[in-house]
N, C-alpha and C. Protein backbone atom coordinates (compact mmCIF):
# COMPACT_ATOMS: atom_id res chain seq x y z
N UNK A 1 -9.91 9.80 35.17
CA UNK A 1 -8.87 10.21 34.22
C UNK A 1 -8.13 8.98 33.67
N UNK A 2 -7.71 8.10 34.59
CA UNK A 2 -6.98 6.90 34.18
C UNK A 2 -7.84 6.02 33.28
N UNK A 3 -9.12 5.87 33.63
CA UNK A 3 -10.04 5.07 32.82
C UNK A 3 -10.22 5.68 31.44
N UNK A 4 -10.31 7.01 31.35
CA UNK A 4 -10.45 7.65 30.03
C UNK A 4 -9.23 7.42 29.17
N UNK A 5 -8.05 7.47 29.78
CA UNK A 5 -6.81 7.21 29.04
C UNK A 5 -6.78 5.76 28.55
N UNK A 6 -7.13 4.83 29.43
CA UNK A 6 -7.15 3.40 29.04
C UNK A 6 -8.19 3.16 27.95
N UNK A 7 -9.35 3.81 28.05
CA UNK A 7 -10.39 3.65 27.02
C UNK A 7 -9.90 4.19 25.68
N UNK A 8 -9.22 5.33 25.72
CA UNK A 8 -8.69 5.91 24.48
C UNK A 8 -7.64 4.99 23.85
N UNK A 9 -6.76 4.44 24.68
CA UNK A 9 -5.73 3.52 24.18
C UNK A 9 -6.39 2.29 23.57
N UNK A 10 -7.39 1.75 24.26
CA UNK A 10 -8.08 0.56 23.75
C UNK A 10 -8.79 0.87 22.43
N UNK A 11 -9.38 2.04 22.33
CA UNK A 11 -10.07 2.42 21.09
C UNK A 11 -9.07 2.53 19.93
N UNK A 12 -7.90 3.11 20.19
CA UNK A 12 -6.86 3.20 19.16
C UNK A 12 -6.40 1.80 18.77
N UNK A 13 -6.26 0.91 19.74
CA UNK A 13 -5.87 -0.47 19.44
C UNK A 13 -6.90 -1.15 18.55
N UNK A 14 -8.19 -0.91 18.83
CA UNK A 14 -9.24 -1.48 17.98
C UNK A 14 -9.17 -0.93 16.57
N UNK A 15 -8.93 0.37 16.46
CA UNK A 15 -8.83 0.99 15.14
C UNK A 15 -7.62 0.46 14.37
N UNK A 16 -6.50 0.32 15.07
CA UNK A 16 -5.31 -0.26 14.43
C UNK A 16 -5.56 -1.71 14.02
N UNK A 17 -6.32 -2.43 14.84
CA UNK A 17 -6.67 -3.80 14.50
C UNK A 17 -7.49 -3.89 13.23
N UNK A 18 -8.45 -2.98 13.09
CA UNK A 18 -9.26 -2.94 11.87
C UNK A 18 -8.38 -2.60 10.66
N UNK A 19 -7.51 -1.61 10.82
CA UNK A 19 -6.59 -1.25 9.75
C UNK A 19 -5.71 -2.45 9.39
N UNK A 20 -5.24 -3.17 10.40
CA UNK A 20 -4.42 -4.35 10.16
C UNK A 20 -5.17 -5.43 9.39
N UNK A 21 -6.44 -5.62 9.73
CA UNK A 21 -7.25 -6.60 8.99
C UNK A 21 -7.41 -6.20 7.53
N UNK A 22 -7.63 -4.92 7.28
CA UNK A 22 -7.74 -4.43 5.90
C UNK A 22 -6.43 -4.68 5.15
N UNK A 23 -5.31 -4.42 5.81
CA UNK A 23 -4.01 -4.65 5.17
C UNK A 23 -3.76 -6.14 4.92
N UNK A 24 -4.19 -6.99 5.85
CA UNK A 24 -4.05 -8.43 5.64
C UNK A 24 -4.84 -8.87 4.42
N UNK A 25 -6.08 -8.39 4.32
CA UNK A 25 -6.91 -8.73 3.15
C UNK A 25 -6.25 -8.23 1.87
N UNK A 26 -5.69 -7.03 1.90
CA UNK A 26 -5.02 -6.49 0.71
C UNK A 26 -3.81 -7.33 0.33
N UNK A 27 -3.00 -7.72 1.33
CA UNK A 27 -1.81 -8.53 1.05
C UNK A 27 -2.18 -9.88 0.46
N UNK A 28 -3.15 -10.55 1.07
CA UNK A 28 -3.55 -11.87 0.59
C UNK A 28 -4.19 -11.76 -0.79
N UNK A 29 -5.01 -10.73 -1.00
CA UNK A 29 -5.62 -10.53 -2.33
C UNK A 29 -4.56 -10.29 -3.39
N UNK A 30 -3.57 -9.46 -3.06
CA UNK A 30 -2.49 -9.19 -4.01
C UNK A 30 -1.70 -10.46 -4.30
N UNK A 31 -1.48 -11.28 -3.26
CA UNK A 31 -0.75 -12.52 -3.45
C UNK A 31 -1.53 -13.47 -4.37
N UNK A 32 -2.83 -13.59 -4.15
CA UNK A 32 -3.66 -14.46 -5.01
C UNK A 32 -3.67 -13.93 -6.44
N UNK A 33 -3.83 -12.60 -6.59
CA UNK A 33 -3.81 -11.99 -7.91
C UNK A 33 -2.48 -12.26 -8.62
N UNK A 34 -1.39 -12.05 -7.89
CA UNK A 34 -0.07 -12.28 -8.48
C UNK A 34 0.15 -13.73 -8.88
N UNK A 35 -0.32 -14.64 -8.06
CA UNK A 35 -0.10 -16.07 -8.33
C UNK A 35 -0.95 -16.56 -9.50
N UNK A 36 -2.23 -16.22 -9.49
CA UNK A 36 -3.13 -16.83 -10.48
C UNK A 36 -3.39 -15.97 -11.72
N UNK A 37 -3.21 -14.68 -11.64
CA UNK A 37 -3.46 -13.83 -12.80
C UNK A 37 -2.15 -13.47 -13.49
N UNK A 38 -1.18 -12.99 -12.72
CA UNK A 38 0.08 -12.56 -13.31
C UNK A 38 1.10 -13.70 -13.42
N UNK A 39 0.81 -14.85 -12.77
CA UNK A 39 1.72 -15.98 -12.74
C UNK A 39 3.09 -15.59 -12.18
N UNK A 40 3.08 -14.68 -11.21
CA UNK A 40 4.30 -14.19 -10.58
C UNK A 40 3.97 -13.88 -9.12
N UNK A 41 4.20 -14.85 -8.25
CA UNK A 41 3.83 -14.73 -6.84
C UNK A 41 4.73 -13.73 -6.11
N UNK A 42 4.13 -12.68 -5.52
CA UNK A 42 4.94 -11.75 -4.71
C UNK A 42 5.32 -12.43 -3.39
N UNK A 43 6.60 -12.62 -3.17
CA UNK A 43 7.05 -13.38 -2.00
C UNK A 43 6.86 -12.63 -0.69
N UNK A 44 6.84 -11.31 -0.74
CA UNK A 44 6.73 -10.52 0.48
C UNK A 44 5.31 -10.49 1.03
N UNK A 45 4.31 -10.74 0.21
CA UNK A 45 2.91 -10.58 0.63
C UNK A 45 2.54 -11.55 1.76
N UNK A 46 2.96 -12.79 1.66
CA UNK A 46 2.63 -13.77 2.71
C UNK A 46 3.34 -13.42 4.01
N UNK A 47 4.60 -13.05 3.94
CA UNK A 47 5.35 -12.69 5.14
C UNK A 47 4.75 -11.47 5.83
N UNK A 48 4.36 -10.49 5.05
CA UNK A 48 3.74 -9.29 5.62
C UNK A 48 2.39 -9.63 6.25
N UNK A 49 1.60 -10.46 5.58
CA UNK A 49 0.30 -10.85 6.13
C UNK A 49 0.49 -11.59 7.46
N UNK A 50 1.47 -12.48 7.54
CA UNK A 50 1.73 -13.20 8.79
C UNK A 50 2.18 -12.26 9.90
N UNK A 51 3.00 -11.29 9.56
CA UNK A 51 3.45 -10.31 10.54
C UNK A 51 2.27 -9.46 11.03
N UNK A 52 1.41 -9.06 10.11
CA UNK A 52 0.23 -8.26 10.48
C UNK A 52 -0.73 -9.05 11.36
N UNK A 53 -0.82 -10.36 11.13
CA UNK A 53 -1.68 -11.19 11.98
C UNK A 53 -1.23 -11.12 13.44
N UNK A 54 0.08 -11.10 13.66
CA UNK A 54 0.59 -10.97 15.03
C UNK A 54 0.16 -9.65 15.66
N UNK A 55 0.26 -8.57 14.90
CA UNK A 55 -0.12 -7.26 15.43
C UNK A 55 -1.62 -7.20 15.74
N UNK A 56 -2.43 -7.67 14.82
CA UNK A 56 -3.88 -7.64 15.02
C UNK A 56 -4.28 -8.51 16.21
N UNK A 57 -3.72 -9.70 16.28
CA UNK A 57 -4.05 -10.63 17.36
C UNK A 57 -3.65 -10.09 18.73
N UNK A 58 -2.46 -9.58 18.82
CA UNK A 58 -1.99 -9.13 20.13
C UNK A 58 -2.69 -7.85 20.60
N UNK A 59 -2.98 -6.95 19.67
CA UNK A 59 -3.76 -5.76 20.06
C UNK A 59 -5.16 -6.18 20.50
N UNK A 60 -5.74 -7.13 19.78
CA UNK A 60 -7.06 -7.63 20.16
C UNK A 60 -7.04 -8.34 21.51
N UNK A 61 -5.97 -9.04 21.78
CA UNK A 61 -5.82 -9.72 23.06
C UNK A 61 -5.81 -8.71 24.21
N UNK A 62 -5.05 -7.66 24.06
CA UNK A 62 -4.97 -6.64 25.11
C UNK A 62 -6.33 -5.96 25.31
N UNK A 63 -7.00 -5.61 24.23
CA UNK A 63 -8.32 -4.98 24.34
C UNK A 63 -9.31 -5.96 24.96
N UNK A 64 -9.16 -7.24 24.66
CA UNK A 64 -10.02 -8.25 25.27
C UNK A 64 -9.87 -8.29 26.78
N UNK A 65 -8.68 -8.06 27.27
CA UNK A 65 -8.46 -7.99 28.72
C UNK A 65 -9.18 -6.77 29.29
N UNK A 66 -9.05 -5.64 28.64
CA UNK A 66 -9.69 -4.42 29.15
C UNK A 66 -11.21 -4.52 29.11
N UNK A 67 -11.74 -5.05 28.02
CA UNK A 67 -13.19 -5.10 27.86
C UNK A 67 -13.79 -6.37 28.43
N UNK A 68 -13.00 -7.10 29.22
CA UNK A 68 -13.43 -8.33 29.89
C UNK A 68 -13.94 -9.36 28.89
N UNK A 69 -13.30 -9.44 27.74
CA UNK A 69 -13.66 -10.41 26.73
C UNK A 69 -12.85 -11.69 26.85
N UNK A 70 -11.94 -11.74 27.82
CA UNK A 70 -11.11 -12.92 28.01
C UNK A 70 -11.84 -13.94 28.89
N UNK A 71 -11.32 -15.12 28.91
CA UNK A 71 -11.91 -16.16 29.75
C UNK A 71 -11.50 -15.87 31.19
N UNK A 72 -12.46 -15.55 32.00
CA UNK A 72 -12.20 -15.26 33.41
C UNK A 72 -12.52 -16.47 34.26
N UNK A 73 -12.59 -16.25 35.52
CA UNK A 73 -12.92 -17.33 36.43
C UNK A 73 -14.28 -17.05 37.07
N UNK A 74 -15.27 -16.71 36.22
CA UNK A 74 -16.60 -16.40 36.72
C UNK A 74 -17.22 -17.59 37.42
N UNK A 75 -16.88 -18.79 36.98
CA UNK A 75 -17.43 -19.99 37.60
C UNK A 75 -17.01 -20.09 39.06
N UNK A 76 -15.84 -19.57 39.36
CA UNK A 76 -15.36 -19.59 40.74
C UNK A 76 -16.28 -18.79 41.65
N UNK A 77 -16.78 -17.67 41.16
CA UNK A 77 -17.65 -16.84 41.99
C UNK A 77 -19.00 -17.49 42.25
N UNK A 78 -19.39 -18.45 41.43
CA UNK A 78 -20.66 -19.14 41.65
C UNK A 78 -20.62 -20.05 42.88
N UNK A 79 -19.46 -20.58 43.19
CA UNK A 79 -19.34 -21.49 44.33
C UNK A 79 -18.81 -20.80 45.59
N UNK A 80 -18.37 -19.58 45.46
CA UNK A 80 -17.85 -18.85 46.61
C UNK A 80 -18.95 -18.03 47.27
N UNK A 81 -18.81 -17.75 48.55
CA UNK A 81 -19.78 -16.85 49.20
C UNK A 81 -19.70 -15.46 48.57
N UNK A 82 -20.79 -14.72 48.64
CA UNK A 82 -20.87 -13.40 48.01
C UNK A 82 -19.77 -12.46 48.52
N UNK A 83 -19.38 -12.59 49.75
CA UNK A 83 -18.35 -11.71 50.31
C UNK A 83 -16.98 -11.96 49.69
N UNK A 84 -16.80 -13.07 49.01
CA UNK A 84 -15.52 -13.41 48.38
C UNK A 84 -15.47 -13.04 46.91
N UNK A 85 -16.56 -12.54 46.34
CA UNK A 85 -16.59 -12.26 44.90
C UNK A 85 -15.56 -11.22 44.51
N UNK A 86 -15.54 -10.08 45.19
CA UNK A 86 -14.59 -9.03 44.83
C UNK A 86 -13.15 -9.48 45.02
N UNK A 87 -12.80 -10.08 46.17
CA UNK A 87 -11.41 -10.56 46.30
C UNK A 87 -11.02 -11.57 45.23
N UNK A 88 -11.94 -12.45 44.84
CA UNK A 88 -11.60 -13.43 43.81
C UNK A 88 -11.41 -12.75 42.45
N UNK A 89 -12.21 -11.72 42.17
CA UNK A 89 -12.02 -10.96 40.93
C UNK A 89 -10.69 -10.23 40.92
N UNK A 90 -10.30 -9.70 42.06
CA UNK A 90 -9.00 -9.02 42.16
C UNK A 90 -7.87 -10.01 41.92
N UNK A 91 -7.99 -11.21 42.47
CA UNK A 91 -6.97 -12.24 42.26
C UNK A 91 -6.87 -12.58 40.78
N UNK A 92 -8.01 -12.70 40.10
CA UNK A 92 -8.00 -13.00 38.66
C UNK A 92 -7.26 -11.89 37.91
N UNK A 93 -7.52 -10.64 38.26
CA UNK A 93 -6.85 -9.54 37.56
C UNK A 93 -5.36 -9.46 37.94
N UNK A 94 -5.01 -9.84 39.16
CA UNK A 94 -3.60 -9.90 39.53
C UNK A 94 -2.87 -10.99 38.74
N UNK A 95 -3.53 -12.13 38.54
CA UNK A 95 -2.93 -13.19 37.73
C UNK A 95 -2.80 -12.77 36.27
N UNK A 96 -3.80 -12.04 35.78
CA UNK A 96 -3.73 -11.53 34.41
C UNK A 96 -2.59 -10.52 34.29
N UNK A 97 -2.44 -9.68 35.30
CA UNK A 97 -1.34 -8.70 35.34
C UNK A 97 0.00 -9.43 35.31
N UNK A 98 0.12 -10.48 36.11
CA UNK A 98 1.36 -11.27 36.13
C UNK A 98 1.65 -11.87 34.75
N UNK A 99 0.61 -12.37 34.08
CA UNK A 99 0.78 -12.89 32.73
C UNK A 99 1.30 -11.79 31.80
N UNK A 100 0.74 -10.57 31.90
CA UNK A 100 1.18 -9.46 31.07
C UNK A 100 2.64 -9.11 31.30
N UNK A 101 3.05 -9.12 32.57
CA UNK A 101 4.45 -8.83 32.91
C UNK A 101 5.37 -9.89 32.30
N UNK A 102 5.00 -11.16 32.47
CA UNK A 102 5.82 -12.25 31.93
C UNK A 102 5.86 -12.22 30.41
N UNK A 103 4.73 -11.92 29.78
CA UNK A 103 4.69 -11.82 28.32
C UNK A 103 5.61 -10.71 27.83
N UNK A 104 5.47 -9.53 28.42
CA UNK A 104 6.29 -8.39 27.99
C UNK A 104 7.78 -8.67 28.23
N UNK A 105 8.12 -9.14 29.41
CA UNK A 105 9.52 -9.36 29.76
C UNK A 105 10.17 -10.41 28.85
N UNK A 106 9.52 -11.54 28.69
CA UNK A 106 10.11 -12.61 27.88
C UNK A 106 10.17 -12.25 26.40
N UNK A 107 9.21 -11.47 25.94
CA UNK A 107 9.26 -11.04 24.53
C UNK A 107 10.31 -9.95 24.32
N UNK A 108 10.60 -9.15 25.33
CA UNK A 108 11.73 -8.22 25.23
C UNK A 108 13.03 -9.01 25.08
N UNK A 109 13.15 -10.09 25.85
CA UNK A 109 14.35 -10.93 25.74
C UNK A 109 14.45 -11.56 24.35
N UNK A 110 13.32 -12.04 23.83
CA UNK A 110 13.32 -12.61 22.48
C UNK A 110 13.63 -11.54 21.43
N UNK A 111 13.05 -10.35 21.61
CA UNK A 111 13.31 -9.23 20.71
C UNK A 111 14.81 -8.99 20.62
N UNK A 112 15.47 -8.94 21.78
CA UNK A 112 16.90 -8.66 21.81
C UNK A 112 17.71 -9.81 21.19
N UNK A 113 17.25 -11.03 21.39
CA UNK A 113 18.04 -12.16 20.89
C UNK A 113 17.96 -12.36 19.38
N UNK A 114 16.91 -11.85 18.73
CA UNK A 114 16.76 -12.07 17.28
C UNK A 114 16.92 -10.81 16.45
N UNK A 115 17.27 -9.71 17.09
CA UNK A 115 17.30 -8.45 16.33
C UNK A 115 18.35 -8.43 15.22
N UNK A 116 19.33 -9.31 15.28
CA UNK A 116 20.34 -9.37 14.24
C UNK A 116 19.94 -10.21 13.03
N UNK A 117 18.84 -10.94 13.15
CA UNK A 117 18.37 -11.78 12.05
C UNK A 117 17.33 -11.02 11.23
N UNK A 118 17.25 -11.36 9.96
CA UNK A 118 16.33 -10.66 9.06
C UNK A 118 15.22 -11.59 8.58
N UNK A 119 14.04 -11.00 8.33
CA UNK A 119 12.99 -11.72 7.61
C UNK A 119 13.35 -11.52 6.14
N UNK A 120 13.78 -12.56 5.45
CA UNK A 120 14.37 -12.39 4.12
C UNK A 120 13.46 -11.73 3.09
N UNK A 121 12.17 -12.03 3.13
CA UNK A 121 11.28 -11.49 2.10
C UNK A 121 10.86 -10.05 2.38
N UNK A 122 11.02 -9.60 3.62
CA UNK A 122 10.62 -8.22 3.98
C UNK A 122 11.81 -7.30 4.22
N UNK A 123 12.98 -7.88 4.40
CA UNK A 123 14.21 -7.12 4.66
C UNK A 123 14.08 -6.26 5.93
N UNK A 124 13.46 -6.82 6.94
CA UNK A 124 13.38 -6.18 8.26
C UNK A 124 13.81 -7.21 9.30
N UNK A 125 14.13 -6.72 10.48
CA UNK A 125 14.61 -7.59 11.55
C UNK A 125 13.51 -8.53 12.04
N UNK A 126 13.91 -9.73 12.42
CA UNK A 126 13.00 -10.70 13.04
C UNK A 126 12.39 -10.14 14.33
N UNK A 127 13.06 -9.17 14.93
CA UNK A 127 12.57 -8.61 16.18
C UNK A 127 11.21 -7.95 16.03
N UNK A 128 10.83 -7.55 14.82
CA UNK A 128 9.52 -6.95 14.60
C UNK A 128 8.39 -7.92 14.92
N UNK A 129 8.68 -9.21 14.95
CA UNK A 129 7.67 -10.19 15.33
C UNK A 129 7.33 -10.11 16.81
N UNK A 130 8.21 -9.55 17.62
CA UNK A 130 8.00 -9.51 19.07
C UNK A 130 7.49 -8.17 19.57
N UNK A 131 7.51 -7.16 18.75
CA UNK A 131 7.01 -5.83 19.15
C UNK A 131 5.55 -5.90 19.59
N UNK A 132 4.65 -6.54 18.83
CA UNK A 132 3.26 -6.55 19.27
C UNK A 132 3.04 -7.32 20.57
N UNK A 133 3.87 -8.33 20.83
CA UNK A 133 3.72 -9.09 22.06
C UNK A 133 4.20 -8.30 23.27
N UNK A 134 5.26 -7.53 23.09
CA UNK A 134 5.72 -6.65 24.17
C UNK A 134 4.64 -5.59 24.45
N UNK A 135 4.12 -4.99 23.39
CA UNK A 135 3.08 -3.97 23.55
C UNK A 135 1.84 -4.56 24.23
N UNK A 136 1.44 -5.76 23.81
CA UNK A 136 0.27 -6.40 24.42
C UNK A 136 0.51 -6.69 25.89
N UNK A 137 1.70 -7.14 26.24
CA UNK A 137 2.02 -7.40 27.65
C UNK A 137 1.91 -6.14 28.49
N UNK A 138 2.46 -5.05 27.98
CA UNK A 138 2.39 -3.77 28.71
C UNK A 138 0.94 -3.31 28.83
N UNK A 139 0.17 -3.43 27.75
CA UNK A 139 -1.23 -3.02 27.79
C UNK A 139 -2.05 -3.91 28.72
N UNK A 140 -1.77 -5.20 28.75
CA UNK A 140 -2.46 -6.10 29.67
C UNK A 140 -2.21 -5.69 31.11
N UNK A 141 -0.97 -5.33 31.43
CA UNK A 141 -0.65 -4.83 32.78
C UNK A 141 -1.45 -3.57 33.07
N UNK A 142 -1.43 -2.62 32.15
CA UNK A 142 -2.15 -1.36 32.33
C UNK A 142 -3.64 -1.60 32.53
N UNK A 143 -4.23 -2.43 31.69
CA UNK A 143 -5.67 -2.67 31.77
C UNK A 143 -6.04 -3.50 33.01
N UNK A 144 -5.16 -4.37 33.46
CA UNK A 144 -5.41 -5.12 34.69
C UNK A 144 -5.40 -4.19 35.90
N UNK A 145 -4.47 -3.25 35.90
CA UNK A 145 -4.43 -2.25 36.98
C UNK A 145 -5.73 -1.45 36.97
N UNK A 146 -6.19 -1.08 35.78
CA UNK A 146 -7.44 -0.33 35.68
C UNK A 146 -8.60 -1.13 36.30
N UNK A 147 -8.67 -2.42 36.01
CA UNK A 147 -9.74 -3.26 36.58
C UNK A 147 -9.63 -3.36 38.09
N UNK A 148 -8.43 -3.51 38.60
CA UNK A 148 -8.24 -3.63 40.05
C UNK A 148 -8.67 -2.34 40.73
N UNK A 149 -8.27 -1.19 40.19
CA UNK A 149 -8.68 0.10 40.75
C UNK A 149 -10.21 0.24 40.72
N UNK A 150 -10.81 -0.15 39.59
CA UNK A 150 -12.27 -0.07 39.47
C UNK A 150 -12.95 -0.96 40.51
N UNK A 151 -12.44 -2.15 40.73
CA UNK A 151 -13.02 -3.04 41.73
C UNK A 151 -12.90 -2.46 43.13
N UNK A 152 -11.75 -1.88 43.43
CA UNK A 152 -11.56 -1.29 44.76
C UNK A 152 -12.46 -0.07 44.98
N UNK A 153 -12.78 0.63 43.90
CA UNK A 153 -13.68 1.80 43.98
C UNK A 153 -15.14 1.42 43.79
N UNK A 154 -15.39 0.12 43.60
CA UNK A 154 -16.75 -0.37 43.36
C UNK A 154 -17.35 0.23 42.10
N UNK A 155 -16.53 0.33 41.05
CA UNK A 155 -16.95 0.86 39.76
C UNK A 155 -16.82 -0.24 38.72
N UNK A 156 -17.31 0.05 37.53
CA UNK A 156 -17.22 -0.90 36.43
C UNK A 156 -16.46 -0.26 35.26
N UNK A 157 -15.63 -1.05 34.62
CA UNK A 157 -14.90 -0.58 33.43
C UNK A 157 -15.83 -0.72 32.23
N UNK A 158 -16.06 0.39 31.55
CA UNK A 158 -16.94 0.39 30.38
C UNK A 158 -16.10 0.02 29.16
N UNK A 159 -16.55 -0.97 28.39
CA UNK A 159 -15.77 -1.38 27.20
C UNK A 159 -15.51 -0.24 26.23
N UNK A 160 -14.38 -0.32 25.55
CA UNK A 160 -13.94 0.75 24.64
C UNK A 160 -14.85 0.88 23.43
N UNK A 161 -15.52 -0.17 23.04
CA UNK A 161 -16.33 -0.14 21.84
C UNK A 161 -17.72 0.42 22.08
N UNK A 162 -18.03 0.83 23.29
CA UNK A 162 -19.34 1.45 23.57
C UNK A 162 -19.33 2.91 23.25
C-alpha cells in the first residue's frame, strides 16, 4: 500500500515536471518573440522561467531518490563482504533521509524569512522559491523510508516510470 502511494506521488511529480518543462519552453519562447519580433521584452517571462526551473529540478530530484537515479554508494558494496551489503544500503538511505530532513527544515526557515519580500516582475512573494525545496525534502524523506522498508522486507522499489 505504502509503495503504491509513493509510486503514485512520484508519477504525479514526473507529470508536473513535464508540465513545468513545457511552461519553461513557452515562457522562454514568448520572451524571445517579445524581444526580437515585437521589440518589447516581457520582464516577467524570465523570472517565471527561473522559478519553474526550481520546481522542475526539485521534483525531479525527489523522484530520482525514489527511482534510485541518484548517486549512491554502490562502490562501497564492492569492497564490503556480501553480508554487509544490506546494512550499507540502509545507511545510505538513512543519510539520504537526513539530507531530506535538513533540506526541508532549512528551506522552511528560509521560506519564513523571505515571505515579506516580493519578486518584482511576478508580484509574488520570494518565499515561492523555497516551496519546491521544502516539498522535495519531504518527498526525499518519504521515499527514503520506502527504500528502507523495502530493504528490510527484501523487496525492490519499482521505478515510477515503469
